[in-house]
Protein backbone atom coordinates (compact mmCIF):
# COMPACT_ATOMS: atom_id res chain seq x y z
CA UNK A 1 -9.91 103.76 58.64
CA UNK A 2 -7.58 104.70 61.46
CA UNK A 3 -3.93 103.58 61.25
CA UNK A 4 -2.77 101.46 64.13
CA UNK A 5 -0.47 103.48 66.34
CA UNK A 6 2.83 102.10 67.55
CA UNK A 7 2.84 101.79 71.35
CA UNK A 8 4.40 104.80 72.99
CA UNK A 9 7.74 104.14 74.65
CA UNK A 10 8.16 104.91 78.33
CA UNK A 11 9.77 108.30 78.97
CA UNK A 12 12.89 106.73 80.43
CA UNK A 13 13.17 104.02 77.73
CA UNK A 14 16.24 105.49 76.04
CA UNK A 15 18.23 105.83 79.25
CA UNK A 16 17.15 102.44 80.63
CA UNK A 17 18.00 100.68 77.39
CA UNK A 18 21.34 102.46 77.08
CA UNK A 19 22.21 101.51 80.67
CA UNK A 20 21.61 97.88 79.73
CA UNK A 21 23.76 98.18 76.59
CA UNK A 22 26.43 100.15 78.41
CA UNK A 23 26.73 97.51 81.13
CA UNK A 24 27.11 94.84 78.43
CA UNK A 25 29.87 96.77 76.66
CA UNK A 26 31.73 97.40 79.94
CA UNK A 27 31.43 93.72 80.87
CA UNK A 28 33.04 92.80 77.52
CA UNK A 29 35.81 95.39 77.94
CA UNK A 30 36.54 94.22 81.49
CA UNK A 31 36.25 90.50 80.65
CA UNK A 32 33.38 90.07 83.12
CA UNK A 33 30.18 87.99 82.81
CA UNK A 34 27.32 89.65 80.97
CA UNK A 35 23.88 89.43 82.62
CA UNK A 36 21.91 89.93 79.39
CA UNK A 37 21.55 87.55 76.45
CA UNK A 38 22.84 88.52 73.00
CA UNK A 39 19.31 88.24 71.63
CA UNK A 40 17.95 90.69 74.25
CA UNK A 41 20.77 93.17 73.60
CA UNK A 42 20.43 92.92 69.81
CA UNK A 43 16.68 93.58 70.12
CA UNK A 44 17.33 96.61 72.33
CA UNK A 45 19.63 98.10 69.65
CA UNK A 46 17.06 97.40 66.93
CA UNK A 47 14.32 99.10 68.95
CA UNK A 48 16.44 102.21 69.56
CA UNK A 49 17.34 102.44 65.86
CA UNK A 50 13.69 102.08 64.80
CA UNK A 51 12.77 104.93 67.16
CA UNK A 52 15.30 107.34 65.65
CA UNK A 53 17.83 106.96 68.46
CA UNK A 54 20.62 105.61 66.21
CA UNK A 55 22.74 108.82 66.15
CA UNK A 56 22.72 108.97 69.96
CA UNK A 57 23.46 105.26 70.20
CA UNK A 58 26.45 105.48 67.85
CA UNK A 59 27.86 108.53 69.64
CA UNK A 60 27.58 106.90 73.03
CA UNK A 61 29.19 103.68 71.81
CA UNK A 62 31.99 105.71 70.27
CA UNK A 63 32.60 107.58 73.54
CA UNK A 64 32.56 104.35 75.55
CA UNK A 65 35.12 102.74 73.22
CA UNK A 66 37.22 105.92 73.12
CA UNK A 67 37.37 106.04 76.91
CA UNK A 68 38.36 102.38 77.21
CA UNK A 69 41.15 102.53 74.59
CA UNK A 70 42.54 105.82 75.92
CA UNK A 71 42.96 104.25 79.38
CA UNK A 72 44.81 101.30 77.87
CA UNK A 73 47.73 103.47 76.81
CA UNK A 74 48.80 104.25 80.36
CA UNK A 75 50.43 100.84 80.92
CA UNK A 76 52.73 101.40 77.91
CA UNK A 77 54.26 104.64 79.15
CA UNK A 78 56.35 103.12 81.95
CA UNK A 79 60.01 103.84 81.13
CA UNK A 80 61.31 100.81 83.00
CA UNK A 81 59.28 98.17 81.16
CA UNK A 82 61.37 95.41 79.59
CA UNK A 83 61.20 95.51 75.77
CA UNK A 84 60.05 91.93 75.37
CA UNK A 85 57.44 92.34 78.13
CA UNK A 86 56.31 95.54 76.40
CA UNK A 87 55.73 93.66 73.13
CA UNK A 88 53.86 90.84 74.89
CA UNK A 89 51.57 93.28 76.71
CA UNK A 90 50.97 95.23 73.51
CA UNK A 91 50.03 92.04 71.70
CA UNK A 92 47.72 90.97 74.52
CA UNK A 93 46.06 94.39 74.47
CA UNK A 94 45.67 94.29 70.68
CA UNK A 95 44.19 90.78 70.60
CA UNK A 96 41.85 91.60 73.49
CA UNK A 97 40.75 94.78 71.68
CA UNK A 98 39.98 92.84 68.49
CA UNK A 99 37.99 90.19 70.36
CA UNK A 100 36.09 92.88 72.26
CA UNK A 101 35.19 94.74 69.06
CA UNK A 102 33.94 91.51 67.46
CA UNK A 103 31.64 90.87 70.43
CA UNK A 104 30.50 94.50 70.64
CA UNK A 105 29.75 94.56 66.92
CA UNK A 106 27.60 91.43 67.25
CA UNK A 107 25.43 93.33 69.76
CA UNK A 108 25.26 96.51 67.62
CA UNK A 109 25.02 94.72 64.26
CA UNK A 110 21.64 96.28 63.46
CA UNK A 111 23.12 99.76 64.01
CA UNK A 112 26.07 98.84 61.74
CA UNK A 113 23.80 97.59 58.94
CA UNK A 114 21.32 100.44 58.97
CA UNK A 115 22.45 103.78 60.36
CA UNK A 116 26.19 103.35 59.65
CA UNK A 117 25.58 101.95 56.16
CA UNK A 118 23.35 104.93 55.30
CA UNK A 119 25.98 107.45 56.48
CA UNK A 120 29.22 107.10 54.46
CA UNK A 121 31.01 109.69 56.63
CA UNK A 122 30.71 107.43 59.68
CA UNK A 123 33.10 104.53 60.25
CA UNK A 124 31.78 101.02 60.73
CA UNK A 125 31.96 99.75 64.29
CA UNK A 126 35.00 97.60 63.46
CA UNK A 127 36.81 100.45 61.70
CA UNK A 128 35.95 102.81 64.51
CA UNK A 129 37.64 100.40 66.93
CA UNK A 130 40.77 100.26 64.71
CA UNK A 131 40.91 104.04 64.36
CA UNK A 132 40.69 104.57 68.11
CA UNK A 133 43.34 101.94 68.83
CA UNK A 134 45.60 103.57 66.27
CA UNK A 135 44.93 107.03 67.69
CA UNK A 136 45.71 106.20 71.30
CA UNK A 137 48.16 103.32 71.12
CA UNK A 138 50.24 103.57 67.99
CA UNK A 139 50.07 107.17 66.93
CA UNK A 140 51.63 108.01 70.26
CA UNK A 141 55.23 108.60 69.14
CA UNK A 142 56.82 106.99 72.19
CA UNK A 143 54.65 103.87 72.04
CA UNK A 144 55.03 103.47 68.28
CA UNK A 145 58.81 103.82 68.52
CA UNK A 146 59.00 101.20 71.25
CA UNK A 147 56.88 98.76 69.24
CA UNK A 148 59.01 99.14 66.10
CA UNK A 149 62.33 99.02 67.98
CA UNK A 150 61.16 95.92 69.84
CA UNK A 151 60.21 94.18 66.59
CA UNK A 152 63.57 95.07 65.01
CA UNK A 153 65.34 93.77 68.12
CA UNK A 154 63.59 90.39 67.85
CA UNK A 155 64.36 90.06 64.14
CA UNK A 156 68.01 90.96 64.76
CA UNK A 157 68.20 88.29 67.47
CA UNK A 158 66.76 85.73 65.08
CA UNK A 159 69.28 86.72 62.41
CA UNK A 160 72.03 86.13 64.96
CA UNK A 161 70.78 82.59 65.47
CA UNK A 162 68.59 83.01 68.56
CA UNK A 163 65.15 81.40 68.71
CA UNK A 164 62.39 84.01 68.92
CA UNK A 165 58.60 84.01 69.23
CA UNK A 166 57.50 84.14 65.60
CA UNK A 167 53.83 84.06 66.57
CA UNK A 168 54.33 87.28 68.53
CA UNK A 169 56.15 88.88 65.58
CA UNK A 170 53.43 87.84 63.15
CA UNK A 171 50.62 89.12 65.38
CA UNK A 172 52.21 92.54 65.97
CA UNK A 173 53.18 93.01 62.33
CA UNK A 174 49.65 92.07 61.34
CA UNK A 175 48.48 94.73 63.79
CA UNK A 176 50.58 97.35 62.00
CA UNK A 177 49.13 96.20 58.67
CA UNK A 178 45.54 96.31 59.96
CA UNK A 179 46.15 99.81 61.32
CA UNK A 180 47.62 100.80 57.92
CA UNK A 181 50.93 101.99 59.33
CA UNK A 182 53.12 98.97 58.46
CA UNK A 183 54.79 100.76 55.51
CA UNK A 184 55.57 104.07 57.18
CA UNK A 185 56.19 102.96 60.75
CA UNK A 186 58.03 99.66 60.23
CA UNK A 187 59.02 98.63 56.72
CA UNK A 188 61.37 101.51 55.92
CA UNK A 189 63.28 101.15 59.21
CA UNK A 190 63.39 97.37 58.79
CA UNK A 191 64.91 97.60 55.31
CA UNK A 192 67.45 100.18 56.51
CA UNK A 193 68.55 97.92 59.38
CA UNK A 194 68.74 94.99 56.92
CA UNK A 195 70.98 96.99 54.61
CA UNK A 196 73.32 97.98 57.46
CA UNK A 197 73.54 94.41 58.76
CA UNK A 198 74.35 92.76 55.44
CA UNK A 199 76.67 95.52 54.28
CA UNK A 200 78.87 94.96 57.34
CA UNK A 201 78.47 91.18 57.15
CA UNK A 202 79.44 91.05 53.47
CA UNK A 203 82.60 93.10 54.04
CA UNK A 204 83.63 90.98 57.02
CA UNK A 205 82.90 87.53 55.62
CA UNK A 206 84.53 88.21 52.26
CA UNK A 207 87.74 88.63 54.26
CA UNK A 208 87.20 85.69 56.63
CA UNK A 209 85.70 82.93 54.44
CA UNK A 210 86.79 80.95 51.42
CA UNK A 211 84.53 81.55 48.43
CA UNK A 212 82.60 78.23 48.64
CA UNK A 213 81.80 78.91 52.30
CA UNK A 214 80.81 82.49 51.50
CA UNK A 215 78.45 81.33 48.74
CA UNK A 216 76.84 78.81 51.08
CA UNK A 217 76.34 81.57 53.66
CA UNK A 218 74.72 83.90 51.11
CA UNK A 219 72.38 81.13 49.96
CA UNK A 220 71.44 80.47 53.59
CA UNK A 221 70.74 84.15 54.24
CA UNK A 222 68.49 84.48 51.18
CA UNK A 223 66.57 81.39 52.28
CA UNK A 224 66.20 82.78 55.82
CA UNK A 225 64.80 86.09 54.60
CA UNK A 226 62.29 84.30 52.37
CA UNK A 227 61.26 82.29 55.43
CA UNK A 228 60.67 85.53 57.36
CA UNK A 229 58.26 86.72 54.68
CA UNK A 230 56.51 83.36 54.81
CA UNK A 231 56.20 83.35 58.62
CA UNK A 232 55.60 86.93 59.72
CA UNK A 233 56.52 89.78 57.36
CA UNK A 234 54.01 91.34 54.98
CA UNK A 235 54.33 89.72 51.53
CA UNK A 236 54.80 93.16 49.96
CA UNK A 237 58.16 93.44 51.73
CA UNK A 238 59.63 90.41 49.94
CA UNK A 239 61.02 92.03 46.78
CA UNK A 240 62.83 94.89 48.51
CA UNK A 241 64.08 92.63 51.30
CA UNK A 242 65.60 89.97 49.02
CA UNK A 243 66.97 92.66 46.70
CA UNK A 244 68.71 94.31 49.66
CA UNK A 245 70.34 91.02 50.70
CA UNK A 246 71.44 90.27 47.12
CA UNK A 247 72.88 93.74 46.67
CA UNK A 248 74.89 93.78 49.90
CA UNK A 249 76.11 90.16 49.84
CA UNK A 250 76.45 89.60 46.08
CA UNK A 251 76.34 92.68 43.83
CA UNK A 252 78.89 94.55 45.91
CA UNK A 253 81.32 91.60 45.83
CA UNK A 254 80.97 89.92 42.41
CA UNK A 255 84.43 90.91 41.23
CA UNK A 256 86.07 89.89 44.51
CA UNK A 257 84.22 86.56 44.58
CA UNK A 258 85.41 85.69 41.08
CA UNK A 259 88.99 86.89 41.61
CA UNK A 260 89.33 85.15 44.95
CA UNK A 261 87.72 81.80 44.25
CA UNK A 262 86.70 80.98 40.67
CA UNK A 263 90.03 79.59 39.44
CA UNK A 264 90.25 77.23 42.41
CA UNK A 265 86.74 75.81 42.16
CA UNK A 266 87.11 75.42 38.38
CA UNK A 267 90.51 73.72 38.77
CA UNK A 268 89.08 71.35 41.39
CA UNK A 269 85.94 70.78 39.28
CA UNK A 270 83.69 71.52 42.29
CA UNK A 271 80.36 70.95 40.59
CA UNK A 272 78.11 71.88 43.54
CA UNK A 273 79.98 75.11 44.27
CA UNK A 274 79.95 76.12 40.59
CA UNK A 275 76.22 75.39 40.35
CA UNK A 276 75.53 77.56 43.41
CA UNK A 277 77.80 80.31 42.07
CA UNK A 278 75.86 80.37 38.79
CA UNK A 279 72.49 80.38 40.57
CA UNK A 280 73.46 83.21 42.91
CA UNK A 281 75.09 85.41 40.25
CA UNK A 282 72.05 84.96 38.01
CA UNK A 283 70.12 86.90 40.65
CA UNK A 284 72.14 90.12 40.27
CA UNK A 285 72.69 92.55 37.42
CA UNK A 286 75.69 91.65 35.24
CA UNK A 287 76.50 88.73 37.51
CA UNK A 288 76.48 86.13 34.73
CA UNK A 289 78.27 88.48 32.34
CA UNK A 290 81.16 88.82 34.78
CA UNK A 291 81.14 85.07 35.46
CA UNK A 292 81.28 84.31 31.74
CA UNK A 293 84.21 86.70 31.25
CA UNK A 294 86.10 85.16 34.17
CA UNK A 295 85.30 81.64 32.91
CA UNK A 296 86.70 82.58 29.50
CA UNK A 297 89.86 83.97 31.10
CA UNK A 298 90.40 80.82 33.14
CA UNK A 299 90.15 78.57 30.06
CA UNK A 300 92.60 80.70 28.07
CA UNK A 301 95.08 80.76 30.91
CA UNK A 302 94.85 77.01 31.68
CA UNK A 303 94.84 76.00 28.03
CA UNK A 304 97.87 78.12 27.26
CA UNK A 305 99.90 76.31 29.94
CA UNK A 306 99.18 73.05 28.12
CA UNK A 307 99.91 74.31 24.61
CA UNK A 308 103.12 76.27 25.23
CA UNK A 309 104.90 73.54 27.21
CA UNK A 310 107.05 71.48 24.77
CA UNK A 311 107.28 68.68 27.31
CA UNK A 312 103.54 68.10 26.89
CA UNK A 313 103.62 67.73 23.12
CA UNK A 314 103.04 63.96 23.23
CA UNK A 315 100.08 64.15 25.61
CA UNK A 316 98.83 67.60 24.62
CA UNK A 317 95.84 66.61 22.50
CA UNK A 318 94.52 64.17 25.10
CA UNK A 319 95.00 66.76 27.86
CA UNK A 320 93.15 69.33 25.77
CA UNK A 321 90.32 66.93 25.03
CA UNK A 322 90.03 66.03 28.73
CA UNK A 323 90.08 69.72 29.65
CA UNK A 324 87.40 70.43 27.03
CA UNK A 325 85.22 67.59 28.37
CA UNK A 326 85.53 68.97 31.89
CA UNK A 327 84.60 72.51 30.80
CA UNK A 328 81.71 71.21 28.66
CA UNK A 329 80.36 69.31 31.62
CA UNK A 330 80.53 72.44 33.77
CA UNK A 331 78.57 74.43 31.16
CA UNK A 332 75.95 71.67 30.91
CA UNK A 333 75.69 70.74 34.59
CA UNK A 334 76.46 73.97 36.43
CA UNK A 335 75.74 76.77 33.96
CA UNK A 336 72.36 75.52 32.77
CA UNK A 337 73.59 74.94 29.18
CA UNK A 338 73.80 78.71 28.82
CA UNK A 339 74.63 79.44 25.18
CA UNK A 340 76.80 82.43 26.03
CA UNK A 341 79.04 80.21 28.15
CA UNK A 342 79.18 77.56 25.38
CA UNK A 343 80.24 80.16 22.82
CA UNK A 344 82.74 81.71 25.23
CA UNK A 345 84.26 78.28 25.91
CA UNK A 346 84.69 77.59 22.19
CA UNK A 347 86.22 81.03 21.57
CA UNK A 348 88.67 80.54 24.44
CA UNK A 349 89.91 77.19 23.07
CA UNK A 350 90.33 78.59 19.56
CA UNK A 351 92.27 81.49 21.03
CA UNK A 352 94.85 79.68 23.10
CA UNK A 353 95.87 77.04 20.57
CA UNK A 354 97.52 79.82 18.60
CA UNK A 355 99.68 80.89 21.53
CA UNK A 356 102.62 78.58 20.70
CA UNK A 357 105.14 80.17 18.33
CA UNK A 358 107.46 78.15 16.05
CA UNK A 359 105.17 75.12 16.09
CA UNK A 360 106.75 72.03 14.48
CA UNK A 361 104.81 70.32 11.69
CA UNK A 362 103.80 67.41 13.94
CA UNK A 363 102.35 69.81 16.52
CA UNK A 364 100.43 71.70 13.86
CA UNK A 365 98.85 68.43 12.79
CA UNK A 366 97.85 67.61 16.37
CA UNK A 367 96.34 71.04 16.89
CA UNK A 368 94.36 70.78 13.66
CA UNK A 369 93.11 67.38 14.81
CA UNK A 370 92.07 68.89 18.14
CA UNK A 371 90.23 71.73 16.41
CA UNK A 372 88.34 69.21 14.31
CA UNK A 373 87.43 67.33 17.50
CA UNK A 374 85.99 70.36 19.28
CA UNK A 375 84.15 71.63 16.22
CA UNK A 376 82.41 68.39 15.39
């Protein structure tokens, strides 16, 4: 029994069909109407693949895409282009490229799912589009530098209080991520500029601001950087970014913060400021250890002024009890009931009540009574 032969294709079938597909691709790239239906184009691709024309089809599609993307770079080489305009045009080009590749892939889906899938050394149509965009647009040193510098400029403006286009930032940073160059091209430079900014800002504001105002500023900055991760930065940047802010605004200034402002905010019982101080210093290495030591020193110094003054003998115990209540409340309310602070507080009180020499018998009795009060 004779097998049924497949109908022979016309001699010019390959070229005629490619011309149809080529015109469709060019129409997509030039944002012009397409005269063929998606179904007709999809069927043409399937027919070419089934007649062993897939390698030629893929090569021709690659060359067509390569030519289009390579021409797109020319607009980004103008020296006089405004930086913001440059970023807007780059974003428009990127979004247009992505939309074009989605439409082109829908036409060549059969090629993608057969020939490409069977050849692991060949990129999928989507990946091929990304690789060509990366090759011509962002692996050009001049263009890449302008993109990154433009992004850093916008972020710096936002940090200075200006309103910027976060949607534009998010889109372009997503582009760098999709092209797998976010880490090398952008992140390192971004973190370096962050470190420089906050190093200078920390030095300046520690001189200009009172400690409560400085703490509020640091808290605001940390919140702002977390917002940047939420709105447009890659989530993988968060740890290093926040760590950089904490190091430059807190770690480098812990001793100065405590020396300059702790005694005052403790003396004035500024609960909110003490709570914020504890929260911020808990974020940095040895921050709470230094706070606990300074807290201990304050109690010893303040308590000693009460104990050694003979004029306060009559009111001493009540003053000490009031002082103890205030410090206890700070440990509970502001220092999260931290046991180290509780123990340090107790040690400080036990220490300073022995500072008065030649204590009369009546005073000794009062001090013993006070010790019993704080111990039980």
